[in-house]
Amino acid sequence: MANSHGPSIKDDDTYEALRDDGYGKEAAARIANAQANRSQNPSKKGGKAPPYEDWTKDDLYERAQELGIDGRSDMTKAELIGALRDR
């Protein structure tokens, strides 16, 4: 069973799956909530970007630089992924 992410997330399972696929918190919440709403018909995959695990460390670093993530130069690939997902 997925974690409860609070009342603002309407579909915890979808939210967790999207986060695991590399989506940010806001995008995952929007997609999960839209899928939970029967009056909306969102696609299963929102964006076309591959999950962060498929990115090179250099690409992750560049994205972290674009977002102004502090300490990025000392981060491992896994740490960069975590920092990007927390944005």
Protein backbone atom coordinates (compact mmCIF):
# COMPACT_ATOMS: atom_id res chain seq x y z
CA MET A 1 0.00 0.00 0.00
CA ALA A 2 1.31 3.46 -0.85
CA ASN A 3 2.11 6.12 1.69
CA SER A 4 -0.57 8.64 2.48
CA HIS A 5 0.58 11.96 1.11
CA GLY A 6 -2.19 13.89 2.79
CA PRO A 7 -5.59 15.04 1.65
CA SER A 8 -4.21 17.06 -1.27
CA ILE A 9 -3.14 13.87 -3.11
CA LYS A 10 -6.22 12.00 -4.31
CA ASP A 11 -4.46 8.89 -5.71
CA ASP A 12 -1.43 7.85 -3.64
CA ASP A 13 -0.53 4.86 -5.84
CA THR A 14 -0.40 6.93 -9.02
CA TYR A 15 1.52 9.69 -7.21
CA GLU A 16 4.17 7.22 -5.99
CA ALA A 17 4.50 5.60 -9.43
CA LEU A 18 5.00 8.98 -11.08
CA ARG A 19 7.58 10.05 -8.48
CA ASP A 20 9.44 6.76 -9.07
CA ASP A 21 9.43 7.56 -12.80
CA GLY A 22 11.17 10.89 -12.18
CA TYR A 23 8.28 13.34 -12.00
CA GLY A 24 8.53 16.28 -9.61
CA LYS A 25 6.18 16.58 -6.67
CA GLU A 26 3.89 19.14 -8.30
CA ALA A 27 3.60 17.34 -11.64
CA ALA A 28 2.99 13.98 -9.96
CA ALA A 29 0.30 15.53 -7.74
CA ARG A 30 -1.44 17.21 -10.70
CA ILE A 31 -1.48 14.04 -12.79
CA ALA A 32 -2.53 11.78 -9.88
CA ASN A 33 -5.33 14.14 -8.89
CA ALA A 34 -6.52 14.49 -12.49
CA GLN A 35 -6.65 10.71 -12.90
CA ALA A 36 -8.62 10.42 -9.66
CA ASN A 37 -11.19 12.90 -11.01
CA ARG A 38 -13.68 11.04 -13.21
CA SER A 39 -14.62 14.21 -15.11
CA GLN A 40 -11.06 14.55 -16.45
CA ASN A 41 -9.30 12.21 -18.88
CA PRO A 42 -5.54 12.76 -18.55
CA SER A 43 -3.10 10.56 -20.42
CA LYS A 44 -1.17 7.97 -18.45
CA LYS A 45 2.13 9.68 -19.20
CA GLY A 46 2.23 13.42 -18.83
CA GLY A 47 5.63 14.37 -20.22
CA LYS A 48 8.04 12.91 -22.69
CA ALA A 49 11.23 13.19 -20.64
CA PRO A 50 12.83 9.90 -19.56
CA PRO A 51 13.10 9.16 -15.83
CA TYR A 52 16.06 10.75 -14.07
CA GLU A 53 17.73 7.33 -13.68
CA ASP A 54 18.20 7.29 -17.48
CA TRP A 55 19.89 10.71 -17.51
CA THR A 56 23.67 11.04 -17.36
CA LYS A 57 25.21 12.61 -14.29
CA ASP A 58 26.27 15.58 -16.43
CA ASP A 59 22.68 16.10 -17.60
CA LEU A 60 21.42 15.88 -14.02
CA TYR A 61 24.07 18.39 -12.94
CA GLU A 62 23.04 20.81 -15.70
CA ARG A 63 19.38 20.57 -14.68
CA ALA A 64 20.33 21.11 -11.01
CA GLN A 65 22.33 24.15 -12.12
CA GLU A 66 19.32 25.52 -14.02
CA LEU A 67 17.22 25.17 -10.87
CA GLY A 68 19.89 26.66 -8.61
CA ILE A 69 20.31 23.61 -6.37
CA ASP A 70 23.06 24.30 -3.83
CA GLY A 71 25.82 21.74 -3.28
CA ARG A 72 25.26 20.07 -6.66
CA SER A 73 28.98 19.88 -7.51
CA ASP A 74 29.61 17.52 -4.58
CA MET A 75 26.55 15.32 -5.20
CA THR A 76 26.50 11.78 -6.54
CA LYS A 77 24.10 10.84 -9.32
CA ALA A 78 21.65 9.44 -6.74
CA GLU A 79 21.87 12.62 -4.66
CA LEU A 80 21.24 14.79 -7.74
CA ILE A 81 18.16 12.71 -8.56
CA GLY A 82 16.89 13.14 -5.00
CA ALA A 83 17.51 16.88 -5.04
CA LEU A 84 15.76 17.28 -8.39
CA ARG A 85 12.75 15.27 -7.21
CA ASP A 86 12.48 17.38 -4.08
CA ARG A 87 12.07 20.53 -6.19
